Amino acid sequence: MATATFTTEFTQEFEAETGKLLRRRFLWLLGVTLGIWVFGLIGIALMWSDLNPEPIPLWSKLLMTSVAVFDISVYVWFFLRVRRSRPNKQALLWLTRTLLIYIGAMGLINGVAQFPGSTELTVGVPWPSLNFGFSFLMASVFLPWSPREVFSTVGVVLGLHTVAYMGMHLPPTASWFWLLALPLFVAPGFAVCAVKHSSRMRSFKVRFLSSRYTEVRREMTDARRIHEDLFPEPRDVGDIVFTYTYQPMRQIGGDFLFMSESPGIEGRVPVNVVLLDVTGHGLAAALTVNRLHGELERIFAEDPPAAPGHVLGLLNRYVHLDGHRARCVPTRRFSRRPQDPALCAR
């Protein structure tokens, strides 16, 4: 149970931190991409100016300008979408995967448009896939995702590229080698994903355990203070004088001293002292002491002059019943601890 709780809490906090980091890094990636597009706009402006030494057909200028404006509009939409709505991690993952598919599809369309008849693609390097591999590597440098989270998306893009290349009737030449080498184009991106994810997981685990250790230390300090409040105050006046020193093996333990005073006959004040030691050390023994303290308070409240033998009998009965009650509640989902049906039915 403790391991399951730890795993659930660790996963929840890690996912929450990943979501915040993913949003911030995604905005950085979009900002850098839009910044790179500034140079693209400069090139388009030069294309329309008289400084261009080579004449370019008007339809080609319009097509390249339209594609550039559309591409920039898409990146601006992604940026504003994430900036304004503050989506959760799942929505952010969906947006990043959609952006990857868009980059892969647009790269393929641009490649086919630039090389009509697939002349270059039949004998040369599949530049759309190579450009997608570079874009995926750049995204992996920025975004804190794991290889498993983007494997299917990258596979879809590469499958789309493969189908498009095969539809262009590639001959069995060197181009078939490039088809087989398509996974190598995205391998660097996956390597960066794996290294970054593993490193971030280790770093977060150290911080998580450190914070939990500090929290447990603080709670143990509070638990010891509460535990020591159960002890009686030392007495240095009156007919009965006593003092003691409490020094458990650990920060808290199962050693305990109980004292009860109640009016007796003929004006005498009987003093009942119980010294006990619970087997074991640490928090479990201290919790048992807390329960025994409550039982001792009940015993002497109901019968102030209770004899030692009677007190031991009541405590034995209490521990016996409480122990069997604990055995009737399995500590694990599939507990192998034997249970007594007769006792559990009581």
C-alpha atoms as a PDB file:
ATOM      1  CA  MET A   1       0.000   0.000   0.000  1.00  0.00           C
ATOM      2  CA  ALA A   2       2.787   2.407   0.901  1.00  0.00           C
ATOM      3  CA  THR A   3       4.593   1.671  -2.372  1.00  0.00           C
ATOM      4  CA  ALA A   4       1.405   2.194  -4.375  1.00  0.00           C
ATOM      5  CA  THR A   5       0.713   5.468  -2.594  1.00  0.00           C
ATOM      6  CA  PHE A   6       4.278   6.652  -3.179  1.00  0.00           C
ATOM      7  CA  THR A   7       4.093   5.707  -6.856  1.00  0.00           C
ATOM      8  CA  THR A   8       0.758   7.457  -7.347  1.00  0.00           C
ATOM      9  CA  GLU A   9       1.879  10.623  -5.593  1.00  0.00           C
ATOM     10  CA  PHE A  10       5.196  10.653  -7.461  1.00  0.00           C
ATOM     11  CA  THR A  11       3.453  10.188 -10.815  1.00  0.00           C
ATOM     12  CA  GLN A  12       0.901  12.904 -10.136  1.00  0.00           C
ATOM     13  CA  GLU A  13       3.505  15.476  -9.114  1.00  0.00           C
ATOM     14  CA  PHE A  14       5.812  14.537 -11.984  1.00  0.00           C
ATOM     15  CA  GLU A  15       2.973  14.883 -14.491  1.00  0.00           C
ATOM     16  CA  ALA A  16       1.957  18.245 -13.006  1.00  0.00           C
ATOM     17  CA  GLU A  17       5.515  19.575 -13.268  1.00  0.00           C
ATOM     18  CA  THR A  18       5.825  18.194 -16.805  1.00  0.00           C
ATOM     19  CA  GLY A  19       2.635  19.992 -17.838  1.00  0.00           C
ATOM     20  CA  LYS A  20       3.938  23.351 -16.607  1.00  0.00           C
ATOM     21  CA  LEU A  21       7.330  22.799 -18.206  1.00  0.00           C
ATOM     22  CA  LEU A  22       5.751  21.610 -21.462  1.00  0.00           C
ATOM     23  CA  ARG A  23       3.657  24.757 -21.778  1.00  0.00           C
ATOM     24  CA  ARG A  24       6.621  27.062 -21.139  1.00  0.00           C
ATOM     25  CA  ARG A  25       8.940  25.186 -23.502  1.00  0.00           C
ATOM     26  CA  PHE A  26       6.258  24.942 -26.213  1.00  0.00           C
ATOM     27  CA  LEU A  27       5.879  28.711 -26.186  1.00  0.00           C
ATOM     28  CA  TRP A  28       9.660  29.050 -26.444  1.00  0.00           C
ATOM     29  CA  LEU A  29       9.726  26.658 -29.413  1.00  0.00           C
ATOM     30  CA  LEU A  30       6.991  28.587 -31.212  1.00  0.00           C
ATOM     31  CA  GLY A  31       8.718  31.891 -30.451  1.00  0.00           C
ATOM     32  CA  VAL A  32      12.038  30.655 -31.860  1.00  0.00           C
ATOM     33  CA  THR A  33      10.282  29.262 -34.936  1.00  0.00           C
ATOM     34  CA  LEU A  34       8.548  32.571 -35.574  1.00  0.00           C
ATOM     35  CA  GLY A  35      11.877  34.314 -35.113  1.00  0.00           C
ATOM     36  CA  ILE A  36      13.426  32.067 -37.777  1.00  0.00           C
ATOM     37  CA  TRP A  37      10.544  32.933 -40.063  1.00  0.00           C
ATOM     38  CA  VAL A  38      11.688  36.573 -39.943  1.00  0.00           C
ATOM     39  CA  PHE A  39      14.617  35.597 -42.166  1.00  0.00           C
ATOM     40  CA  GLY A  40      12.188  33.768 -44.429  1.00  0.00           C
ATOM     41  CA  LEU A  41      10.125  36.922 -44.798  1.00  0.00           C
ATOM     42  CA  ILE A  42      13.272  38.842 -45.683  1.00  0.00           C
ATOM     43  CA  GLY A  43      13.950  36.322 -48.444  1.00  0.00           C
ATOM     44  CA  ILE A  44      10.400  36.656 -49.753  1.00  0.00           C
ATOM     45  CA  ALA A  45      10.698  40.437 -49.726  1.00  0.00           C
ATOM     46  CA  LEU A  46      13.925  40.201 -51.739  1.00  0.00           C
ATOM     47  CA  MET A  47      12.159  37.856 -54.149  1.00  0.00           C
ATOM     48  CA  TRP A  48       9.558  40.530 -54.914  1.00  0.00           C
ATOM     49  CA  SER A  49      12.137  43.316 -55.167  1.00  0.00           C
ATOM     50  CA  ASP A  50      14.209  44.287 -58.155  1.00  0.00           C
ATOM     51  CA  LEU A  51      17.363  43.082 -56.415  1.00  0.00           C
ATOM     52  CA  ASN A  52      16.661  39.483 -57.340  1.00  0.00           C
ATOM     53  CA  PRO A  53      19.053  38.638 -60.249  1.00  0.00           C
ATOM     54  CA  GLU A  54      17.000  35.676 -61.475  1.00  0.00           C
ATOM     55  CA  PRO A  55      13.478  36.267 -62.761  1.00  0.00           C
ATOM     56  CA  ILE A  56      10.860  34.212 -60.937  1.00  0.00           C
ATOM     57  CA  PRO A  57       7.419  33.555 -62.422  1.00  0.00           C
ATOM     58  CA  LEU A  58       4.584  35.454 -60.812  1.00  0.00           C
ATOM     59  CA  TRP A  59       2.658  32.300 -59.964  1.00  0.00           C
ATOM     60  CA  SER A  60       5.720  30.953 -58.119  1.00  0.00           C
ATOM     61  CA  LYS A  61       6.040  34.180 -56.126  1.00  0.00           C
ATOM     62  CA  LEU A  62       2.367  34.085 -55.187  1.00  0.00           C
ATOM     63  CA  LEU A  63       2.560  30.429 -54.212  1.00  0.00           C
ATOM     64  CA  MET A  64       5.651  30.840 -52.015  1.00  0.00           C
ATOM     65  CA  THR A  65       4.252  33.979 -50.386  1.00  0.00           C
ATOM     66  CA  SER A  66       0.899  32.310 -49.698  1.00  0.00           C
ATOM     67  CA  VAL A  67       2.588  29.270 -48.169  1.00  0.00           C
ATOM     68  CA  ALA A  68       4.771  31.471 -45.973  1.00  0.00           C
ATOM     69  CA  VAL A  69       1.816  33.551 -44.754  1.00  0.00           C
ATOM     70  CA  PHE A  70      -0.210  30.406 -44.074  1.00  0.00           C
ATOM     71  CA  ASP A  71       2.689  28.766 -42.224  1.00  0.00           C
ATOM     72  CA  ILE A  72       3.261  31.834 -40.049  1.00  0.00           C
ATOM     73  CA  SER A  73      -0.465  32.078 -39.337  1.00  0.00           C
ATOM     74  CA  VAL A  74      -0.503  28.478 -38.117  1.00  0.00           C
ATOM     75  CA  TYR A  75       2.411  29.052 -35.727  1.00  0.00           C
ATOM     76  CA  VAL A  76       0.810  32.262 -34.442  1.00  0.00           C
ATOM     77  CA  TRP A  77      -2.448  30.361 -33.836  1.00  0.00           C
ATOM     78  CA  PHE A  78      -0.607  27.684 -31.844  1.00  0.00           C
ATOM     79  CA  PHE A  79       1.180  30.371 -29.825  1.00  0.00           C
ATOM     80  CA  LEU A  80      -2.005  32.281 -28.972  1.00  0.00           C
ATOM     81  CA  ARG A  81      -3.882  29.050 -28.260  1.00  0.00           C
ATOM     82  CA  VAL A  82      -1.366  27.975 -25.636  1.00  0.00           C
ATOM     83  CA  ARG A  83      -0.753  31.473 -24.309  1.00  0.00           C
ATOM     84  CA  ARG A  84      -4.391  32.347 -23.661  1.00  0.00           C
ATOM     85  CA  SER A  85      -6.142  29.095 -22.732  1.00  0.00           C
ATOM     86  CA  ARG A  86      -3.399  27.528 -20.540  1.00  0.00           C
ATOM     87  CA  PRO A  87      -4.261  23.900 -21.510  1.00  0.00           C
ATOM     88  CA  ASN A  88      -3.378  20.910 -19.351  1.00  0.00           C
ATOM     89  CA  LYS A  89      -0.688  18.378 -20.212  1.00  0.00           C
ATOM     90  CA  GLN A  90      -2.918  16.123 -22.303  1.00  0.00           C
ATOM     91  CA  ALA A  91      -4.138  19.065 -24.383  1.00  0.00           C
ATOM     92  CA  LEU A  92      -0.557  20.283 -24.783  1.00  0.00           C
ATOM     93  CA  LEU A  93       0.571  16.855 -25.964  1.00  0.00           C
ATOM     94  CA  TRP A  94      -2.239  16.845 -28.489  1.00  0.00           C
ATOM     95  CA  LEU A  95      -1.142  20.271 -29.757  1.00  0.00           C
ATOM     96  CA  THR A  96       2.518  19.249 -30.048  1.00  0.00           C
ATOM     97  CA  ARG A  97       1.596  16.068 -31.917  1.00  0.00           C
ATOM     98  CA  THR A  98      -0.666  18.047 -34.242  1.00  0.00           C
ATOM     99  CA  LEU A  99       2.159  20.483 -34.904  1.00  0.00           C
ATOM    100  CA  LEU A 100       4.508  17.613 -35.765  1.00  0.00           C
ATOM    101  CA  ILE A 101       2.013  16.154 -38.216  1.00  0.00           C
ATOM    102  CA  TYR A 102       1.508  19.599 -39.749  1.00  0.00           C
ATOM    103  CA  ILE A 103       5.263  20.094 -40.182  1.00  0.00           C
ATOM    104  CA  GLY A 104       5.648  16.677 -41.786  1.00  0.00           C
ATOM    105  CA  ALA A 105       2.681  17.174 -44.135  1.00  0.00           C
ATOM    106  CA  MET A 106       3.671  20.700 -45.178  1.00  0.00           C
ATOM    107  CA  GLY A 107       7.253  19.620 -45.788  1.00  0.00           C
ATOM    108  CA  LEU A 108       6.023  16.849 -48.022  1.00  0.00           C
ATOM    109  CA  ILE A 109       3.696  19.180 -49.953  1.00  0.00           C
ATOM    110  CA  ASN A 110       6.450  21.735 -50.438  1.00  0.00           C
ATOM    111  CA  GLY A 111       8.859  19.046 -51.601  1.00  0.00           C
ATOM    112  CA  VAL A 112       6.456  17.711 -54.196  1.00  0.00           C
ATOM    113  CA  ALA A 113       5.570  21.230 -55.342  1.00  0.00           C
ATOM    114  CA  GLN A 114       9.220  22.157 -55.814  1.00  0.00           C
ATOM    115  CA  PHE A 115      10.035  19.004 -57.785  1.00  0.00           C
ATOM    116  CA  PRO A 116       7.142  18.306 -60.159  1.00  0.00           C
ATOM    117  CA  GLY A 117       7.243  14.894 -61.727  1.00  0.00           C
ATOM    118  CA  SER A 118       9.286  13.620 -58.733  1.00  0.00           C
ATOM    119  CA  THR A 119      12.519  13.824 -60.736  1.00  0.00           C
ATOM    120  CA  GLU A 120      14.651  14.867 -57.768  1.00  0.00           C
ATOM    121  CA  LEU A 121      12.939  12.491 -55.397  1.00  0.00           C
ATOM    122  CA  THR A 122      13.638   9.461 -57.566  1.00  0.00           C
ATOM    123  CA  VAL A 123      17.382   9.900 -57.554  1.00  0.00           C
ATOM    124  CA  GLY A 124      18.133  12.260 -54.676  1.00  0.00           C
ATOM    125  CA  VAL A 125      17.757  12.598 -50.944  1.00  0.00           C
ATOM    126  CA  PRO A 126      14.171  12.746 -49.618  1.00  0.00           C
ATOM    127  CA  TRP A 127      14.521  16.292 -48.331  1.00  0.00           C
ATOM    128  CA  PRO A 128      11.002  16.518 -46.819  1.00  0.00           C
ATOM    129  CA  SER A 129      11.822  13.641 -44.455  1.00  0.00           C
ATOM    130  CA  LEU A 130      15.254  15.041 -43.704  1.00  0.00           C
ATOM    131  CA  ASN A 131      13.737  18.441 -42.876  1.00  0.00           C
ATOM    132  CA  PHE A 132      11.130  16.757 -40.684  1.00  0.00           C
ATOM    133  CA  GLY A 133      13.892  14.922 -38.825  1.00  0.00           C
ATOM    134  CA  PHE A 134      15.612  18.243 -38.168  1.00  0.00           C
ATOM    135  CA  SER A 135      12.337  19.826 -36.978  1.00  0.00           C
ATOM    136  CA  PHE A 136      11.703  16.848 -34.702  1.00  0.00           C
ATOM    137  CA  LEU A 137      15.223  17.155 -33.265  1.00  0.00           C
ATOM    138  CA  MET A 138      14.681  20.857 -32.612  1.00  0.00           C
ATOM    139  CA  ALA A 139      11.348  20.156 -30.915  1.00  0.00           C
ATOM    140  CA  SER A 140      12.941  17.416 -28.790  1.00  0.00           C
ATOM    141  CA  VAL A 141      15.587  19.858 -27.576  1.00  0.00           C
ATOM    142  CA  PHE A 142      12.859  22.193 -26.326  1.00  0.00           C
ATOM    143  CA  LEU A 143       9.973  19.967 -25.252  1.00  0.00           C
ATOM    144  CA  PRO A 144      10.042  17.669 -22.179  1.00  0.00           C
ATOM    145  CA  TRP A 145       8.305  14.679 -23.728  1.00  0.00           C
ATOM    146  CA  SER A 146       9.251  11.018 -23.601  1.00  0.00           C
ATOM    147  CA  PRO A 147       9.920   8.864 -26.689  1.00  0.00           C
ATOM    148  CA  ARG A 148       6.770   6.845 -25.962  1.00  0.00           C
ATOM    149  CA  GLU A 149       4.596   9.971 -26.077  1.00  0.00           C
ATOM    150  CA  VAL A 150       5.602  10.898 -29.652  1.00  0.00           C
ATOM    151  CA  PHE A 151       6.496   7.533 -31.155  1.00  0.00           C
ATOM    152  CA  SER A 152       3.109   6.999 -32.789  1.00  0.00           C
ATOM    153  CA  THR A 153       2.988  10.563 -34.158  1.00  0.00           C
ATOM    154  CA  VAL A 154       6.436  10.322 -35.747  1.00  0.00           C
ATOM    155  CA  GLY A 155       5.482   6.924 -37.142  1.00  0.00           C
ATOM    156  CA  VAL A 156       2.395   8.425 -38.780  1.00  0.00           C
ATOM    157  CA  VAL A 157       4.469  11.166 -40.448  1.00  0.00           C
ATOM    158  CA  LEU A 158       7.106   8.738 -41.737  1.00  0.00           C
ATOM    159  CA  GLY A 159       4.380   6.402 -42.980  1.00  0.00           C
ATOM    160  CA  LEU A 160       2.771   9.306 -44.836  1.00  0.00           C
ATOM    161  CA  HIS A 161       6.106  10.169 -46.440  1.00  0.00           C
ATOM    162  CA  THR A 162       6.722   6.553 -47.427  1.00  0.00           C
ATOM    163  CA  VAL A 163       3.310   6.228 -49.048  1.00  0.00           C
ATOM    164  CA  ALA A 164       3.840   9.507 -50.930  1.00  0.00           C
ATOM    165  CA  TYR A 165       7.267   8.440 -52.213  1.00  0.00           C
ATOM    166  CA  MET A 166       5.986   5.045 -53.317  1.00  0.00           C
ATOM    167  CA  GLY A 167       3.061   6.733 -55.046  1.00  0.00           C
ATOM    168  CA  MET A 168       5.570   8.620 -57.152  1.00  0.00           C
ATOM    169  CA  HIS A 169       6.664   5.279 -58.660  1.00  0.00           C
ATOM    170  CA  LEU A 170      10.167   5.291 -57.310  1.00  0.00           C
ATOM    171  CA  PRO A 171      12.370   2.899 -59.291  1.00  0.00           C
ATOM    172  CA  PRO A 172      14.409   0.269 -57.426  1.00  0.00           C
ATOM    173  CA  THR A 173      17.500   2.431 -57.338  1.00  0.00           C
ATOM    174  CA  ALA A 174      19.322   4.202 -54.532  1.00  0.00           C
ATOM    175  CA  SER A 175      16.038   5.853 -53.547  1.00  0.00           C
ATOM    176  CA  TRP A 176      14.872   2.599 -51.986  1.00  0.00           C
ATOM    177  CA  PHE A 177      17.830   2.856 -49.670  1.00  0.00           C
ATOM    178  CA  TRP A 178      16.583   6.260 -48.540  1.00  0.00           C
ATOM    179  CA  LEU A 179      13.171   4.770 -47.794  1.00  0.00           C
ATOM    180  CA  LEU A 180      14.794   2.210 -45.529  1.00  0.00           C
ATOM    181  CA  ALA A 181      16.865   4.976 -43.935  1.00  0.00           C
ATOM    182  CA  LEU A 182      13.897   7.187 -43.017  1.00  0.00           C
ATOM    183  CA  PRO A 183      13.942   6.049 -39.342  1.00  0.00           C
ATOM    184  CA  LEU A 184      17.542   7.229 -39.126  1.00  0.00           C
ATOM    185  CA  PHE A 185      16.403  10.805 -39.811  1.00  0.00           C
ATOM    186  CA  VAL A 186      14.352  10.873 -36.579  1.00  0.00           C
ATOM    187  CA  ALA A 187      16.755   8.765 -34.496  1.00  0.00           C
ATOM    188  CA  PRO A 188      18.642  11.826 -33.116  1.00  0.00           C
ATOM    189  CA  GLY A 189      15.360  13.344 -31.947  1.00  0.00           C
ATOM    190  CA  PHE A 190      14.384  10.139 -30.139  1.00  0.00           C
ATOM    191  CA  ALA A 191      17.852   9.934 -28.567  1.00  0.00           C
ATOM    192  CA  VAL A 192      17.499  13.480 -27.215  1.00  0.00           C
ATOM    193  CA  CYS A 193      14.005  12.634 -25.910  1.00  0.00           C
ATOM    194  CA  ALA A 194      15.253   9.545 -24.097  1.00  0.00           C
ATOM    195  CA  VAL A 195      18.285  11.232 -22.527  1.00  0.00           C
ATOM    196  CA  LYS A 196      16.359  14.320 -21.403  1.00  0.00           C
ATOM    197  CA  HIS A 197      13.430  12.321 -20.036  1.00  0.00           C
ATOM    198  CA  SER A 198      15.695   9.946 -18.101  1.00  0.00           C
ATOM    199  CA  SER A 199      17.768  12.808 -16.688  1.00  0.00           C
ATOM    200  CA  ARG A 200      14.691  14.800 -15.676  1.00  0.00           C
ATOM    201  CA  MET A 201      13.141  11.723 -14.073  1.00  0.00           C
ATOM    202  CA  ARG A 202      16.239  11.121 -11.948  1.00  0.00           C
ATOM    203  CA  SER A 203      16.460  14.774 -10.947  1.00  0.00           C
ATOM    204  CA  PHE A 204      12.792  14.911 -10.005  1.00  0.00           C
ATOM    205  CA  LYS A 205      13.068  11.681  -8.013  1.00  0.00           C
ATOM    206  CA  VAL A 206      15.931  13.126  -5.954  1.00  0.00           C
ATOM    207  CA  ARG A 207      13.975  16.329  -5.291  1.00  0.00           C
ATOM    208  CA  PHE A 208      10.816  14.374  -4.505  1.00  0.00           C
ATOM    209  CA  LEU A 209      12.528  12.075  -2.019  1.00  0.00           C
ATOM    210  CA  SER A 210      14.389  14.992  -0.463  1.00  0.00           C
ATOM    211  CA  SER A 211      11.168  16.940   0.073  1.00  0.00           C
ATOM    212  CA  ARG A 212       9.409  13.869   1.475  1.00  0.00           C
ATOM    213  CA  TYR A 213      12.323  13.172   3.816  1.00  0.00           C
ATOM    214  CA  THR A 214      12.149  16.727   5.138  1.00  0.00           C
ATOM    215  CA  GLU A 215       8.397  16.387   5.551  1.00  0.00           C
ATOM    216  CA  VAL A 216       8.736  13.072   7.405  1.00  0.00           C
ATOM    217  CA  ARG A 217      11.387  14.546   9.694  1.00  0.00           C
ATOM    218  CA  ARG A 218       9.093  17.447  10.504  1.00  0.00           C
ATOM    219  CA  GLU A 219       6.153  15.128  11.142  1.00  0.00           C
ATOM    220  CA  MET A 220       8.285  12.868  13.325  1.00  0.00           C
ATOM    221  CA  THR A 221       9.302  15.878  15.398  1.00  0.00           C
ATOM    222  CA  ASP A 222       5.641  16.803  15.868  1.00  0.00           C
ATOM    223  CA  ALA A 223       4.784  13.172  16.622  1.00  0.00           C
ATOM    224  CA  ARG A 224       7.449  13.018  19.342  1.00  0.00           C
ATOM    225  CA  ARG A 225       6.170  16.221  20.905  1.00  0.00           C
ATOM    226  CA  ILE A 226       2.612  14.836  20.956  1.00  0.00           C
ATOM    227  CA  HIS A 227       3.881  11.491  22.252  1.00  0.00           C
ATOM    228  CA  GLU A 228       5.841  13.090  25.092  1.00  0.00           C
ATOM    229  CA  ASP A 229       2.783  15.101  26.116  1.00  0.00           C
ATOM    230  CA  LEU A 230       1.259  11.776  27.248  1.00  0.00           C
ATOM    231  CA  PHE A 231       3.981  11.354  29.884  1.00  0.00           C
ATOM    232  CA  PRO A 232       3.323  12.619  33.420  1.00  0.00           C
ATOM    233  CA  GLU A 233       5.124  15.657  34.770  1.00  0.00           C
ATOM    234  CA  PRO A 234       8.015  14.881  37.177  1.00  0.00           C
ATOM    235  CA  ARG A 235       7.244  15.674  40.823  1.00  0.00           C
ATOM    236  CA  ASP A 236       9.682  17.171  43.288  1.00  0.00           C
ATOM    237  CA  VAL A 237       7.263  18.043  46.138  1.00  0.00           C
ATOM    238  CA  GLY A 238       4.823  16.056  48.249  1.00  0.00           C
ATOM    239  CA  ASP A 239       4.896  12.568  49.686  1.00  0.00           C
ATOM    240  CA  ILE A 240       5.814  11.018  46.365  1.00  0.00           C
ATOM    241  CA  VAL A 241       8.742  12.449  44.448  1.00  0.00           C
ATOM    242  CA  PHE A 242       9.904  11.010  41.138  1.00  0.00           C
ATOM    243  CA  THR A 243      11.602  11.951  37.904  1.00  0.00           C
ATOM    244  CA  TYR A 244      12.564  10.097  34.762  1.00  0.00           C
ATOM    245  CA  THR A 245      14.436  10.407  31.469  1.00  0.00           C
ATOM    246  CA  TYR A 246      12.887   9.407  28.154  1.00  0.00           C
ATOM    247  CA  GLN A 247      15.493   8.475  25.547  1.00  0.00           C
ATOM    248  CA  PRO A 248      14.194   6.100  22.835  1.00  0.00           C
ATOM    249  CA  MET A 249      16.501   4.227  20.476  1.00  0.00           C
ATOM    250  CA  ARG A 250      14.999   6.187  17.593  1.00  0.00           C
ATOM    251  CA  GLN A 251      13.355   9.588  17.536  1.00  0.00           C
ATOM    252  CA  ILE A 252      10.220   8.018  18.944  1.00  0.00           C
ATOM    253  CA  GLY A 253       9.613   4.608  20.506  1.00  0.00           C
ATOM    254  CA  GLY A 254       7.462   2.262  22.564  1.00  0.00           C
ATOM    255  CA  ASP A 255       8.711   3.020  26.116  1.00  0.00           C
ATOM    256  CA  PHE A 256       6.030   4.648  28.251  1.00  0.00           C
ATOM    257  CA  LEU A 257       5.339   5.746  31.821  1.00  0.00           C
ATOM    258  CA  PHE A 258       1.768   6.264  32.992  1.00  0.00           C
ATOM    259  CA  MET A 259       0.661   7.751  36.324  1.00  0.00           C
ATOM    260  CA  SER A 260      -2.851   8.260  37.631  1.00  0.00           C
ATOM    261  CA  GLU A 261      -3.997   9.992  40.811  1.00  0.00           C
ATOM    262  CA  SER A 262      -7.517   9.777  42.176  1.00  0.00           C
ATOM    263  CA  PRO A 263      -9.143  10.470  45.583  1.00  0.00           C
ATOM    264  CA  GLY A 264      -9.246   7.378  47.785  1.00  0.00           C
ATOM    265  CA  ILE A 265     -10.734   6.490  51.150  1.00  0.00           C
ATOM    266  CA  GLU A 266      -9.906   8.402  54.360  1.00  0.00           C
ATOM    267  CA  GLY A 267      -8.541  11.317  52.354  1.00  0.00           C
ATOM    268  CA  ARG A 268      -5.674   9.353  50.878  1.00  0.00           C
ATOM    269  CA  VAL A 269      -4.713   9.916  47.257  1.00  0.00           C
ATOM    270  CA  PRO A 270      -3.721   6.619  45.653  1.00  0.00           C
ATOM    271  CA  VAL A 271      -1.079   6.861  42.945  1.00  0.00           C
ATOM    272  CA  ASN A 272      -1.130   4.315  40.152  1.00  0.00           C
ATOM    273  CA  VAL A 273       2.039   3.951  38.090  1.00  0.00           C
ATOM    274  CA  VAL A 274       2.297   1.791  34.991  1.00  0.00           C
ATOM    275  CA  LEU A 275       5.610   1.243  33.251  1.00  0.00           C
ATOM    276  CA  LEU A 276       5.377  -0.523  29.873  1.00  0.00           C
ATOM    277  CA  ASP A 277       7.448  -1.209  26.806  1.00  0.00           C
ATOM    278  CA  VAL A 278       5.921  -2.042  23.458  1.00  0.00           C
ATOM    279  CA  THR A 279       7.893  -4.479  21.328  1.00  0.00           C
ATOM    280  CA  GLY A 280       9.584  -2.750  18.435  1.00  0.00           C
ATOM    281  CA  HIS A 281      10.865   0.731  17.732  1.00  0.00           C
ATOM    282  CA  GLY A 282       9.755   3.807  15.877  1.00  0.00           C
ATOM    283  CA  LEU A 283       6.379   5.158  14.929  1.00  0.00           C
ATOM    284  CA  ALA A 284       4.494   1.840  15.016  1.00  0.00           C
ATOM    285  CA  ALA A 285       5.431   1.241  18.660  1.00  0.00           C
ATOM    286  CA  ALA A 286       4.552   4.851  19.557  1.00  0.00           C
ATOM    287  CA  LEU A 287       1.107   4.502  17.961  1.00  0.00           C
ATOM    288  CA  THR A 288       0.512   1.365  20.055  1.00  0.00           C
ATOM    289  CA  VAL A 289       1.517   3.311  23.157  1.00  0.00           C
ATOM    290  CA  ASN A 290      -1.021   5.979  22.246  1.00  0.00           C
ATOM    291  CA  ARG A 291      -3.792   3.387  22.119  1.00  0.00           C
ATOM    292  CA  LEU A 292      -2.713   1.785  25.402  1.00  0.00           C
ATOM    293  CA  HIS A 293      -2.653   5.197  27.018  1.00  0.00           C
ATOM    294  CA  GLY A 294      -6.295   5.700  26.104  1.00  0.00           C
ATOM    295  CA  GLU A 295      -7.182   2.282  27.526  1.00  0.00           C
ATOM    296  CA  LEU A 296      -5.330   3.024  30.782  1.00  0.00           C
ATOM    297  CA  GLU A 297      -7.181   6.326  31.085  1.00  0.00           C
ATOM    298  CA  ARG A 298     -10.469   4.452  30.706  1.00  0.00           C
ATOM    299  CA  ILE A 299      -9.525   1.739  33.234  1.00  0.00           C
ATOM    300  CA  PHE A 300      -8.537   4.131  36.018  1.00  0.00           C
ATOM    301  CA  ALA A 301     -11.426   6.477  35.258  1.00  0.00           C
ATOM    302  CA  GLU A 302     -13.877   3.618  35.806  1.00  0.00           C
ATOM    303  CA  ASP A 303     -11.998   1.950  38.684  1.00  0.00           C
ATOM    304  CA  PRO A 304      -9.468   4.326  40.356  1.00  0.00           C
ATOM    305  CA  PRO A 305      -8.212   1.838  42.999  1.00  0.00           C
ATOM    306  CA  ALA A 306      -7.832  -0.970  40.439  1.00  0.00           C
ATOM    307  CA  ALA A 307      -5.373  -3.636  41.555  1.00  0.00           C
ATOM    308  CA  PRO A 308      -2.279  -4.312  39.407  1.00  0.00           C
ATOM    309  CA  GLY A 309      -3.485  -7.809  38.512  1.00  0.00           C
ATOM    310  CA  HIS A 310      -6.840  -6.470  37.377  1.00  0.00           C
ATOM    311  CA  VAL A 311      -5.165  -3.785  35.268  1.00  0.00           C
ATOM    312  CA  LEU A 312      -2.908  -6.352  33.601  1.00  0.00           C
ATOM    313  CA  GLY A 313      -5.901  -8.562  32.871  1.00  0.00           C
ATOM    314  CA  LEU A 314      -7.815  -5.731  31.245  1.00  0.00           C
ATOM    315  CA  LEU A 315      -4.810  -4.680  29.208  1.00  0.00           C
ATOM    316  CA  ASN A 316      -4.233  -8.277  28.117  1.00  0.00           C
ATOM    317  CA  ARG A 317      -7.854  -8.568  27.012  1.00  0.00           C
ATOM    318  CA  TYR A 318      -7.644  -5.267  25.154  1.00  0.00           C
ATOM    319  CA  VAL A 319      -4.426  -6.244  23.317  1.00  0.00           C
ATOM    320  CA  HIS A 320      -5.834  -9.693  22.525  1.00  0.00           C
ATOM    321  CA  LEU A 321      -9.047  -8.353  21.010  1.00  0.00           C
ATOM    322  CA  ASP A 322      -7.305  -5.490  19.257  1.00  0.00           C
ATOM    323  CA  GLY A 323      -4.692  -7.834  17.772  1.00  0.00           C
ATOM    324  CA  HIS A 324      -7.332 -10.193  16.389  1.00  0.00           C
ATOM    325  CA  ARG A 325      -9.264  -7.235  14.989  1.00  0.00           C
ATOM    326  CA  ALA A 326      -6.140  -6.126  13.136  1.00  0.00           C
ATOM    327  CA  ARG A 327      -5.708  -9.616  11.669  1.00  0.00           C
ATOM    328  CA  CYS A 328      -9.243  -9.453  10.309  1.00  0.00           C
ATOM    329  CA  VAL A 329      -8.289  -6.446   8.136  1.00  0.00           C
ATOM    330  CA  PRO A 330      -5.780  -7.526   5.449  1.00  0.00           C
ATOM    331  CA  THR A 331      -2.904  -5.132   4.933  1.00  0.00           C
ATOM    332  CA  ARG A 332      -2.662  -5.986   1.245  1.00  0.00           C
ATOM    333  CA  ARG A 333      -5.197  -6.642  -1.434  1.00  0.00           C
ATOM    334  CA  PHE A 334      -4.141 -10.288  -1.652  1.00  0.00           C
ATOM    335  CA  SER A 335      -3.099 -10.965   1.915  1.00  0.00           C
ATOM    336  CA  ARG A 336      -1.931 -14.467   2.829  1.00  0.00           C
ATOM    337  CA  ARG A 337      -2.341 -13.820   6.548  1.00  0.00           C
ATOM    338  CA  PRO A 338      -4.677 -16.461   8.028  1.00  0.00           C
ATOM    339  CA  GLN A 339      -7.892 -15.153   9.513  1.00  0.00           C
ATOM    340  CA  ASP A 340     -10.142 -16.596  12.170  1.00  0.00           C
ATOM    341  CA  PRO A 341     -13.733 -16.393  10.892  1.00  0.00           C
ATOM    342  CA  ALA A 342     -15.129 -16.755  14.395  1.00  0.00           C
ATOM    343  CA  LEU A 343     -13.131 -13.850  15.728  1.00  0.00           C
ATOM    344  CA  CYS A 344     -13.765 -11.707  12.644  1.00  0.00           C
ATOM    345  CA  ALA A 345     -17.506 -12.210  13.018  1.00  0.00           C
ATOM    346  CA  ARG A 346     -17.518 -10.814  16.538  1.00  0.00           C
END
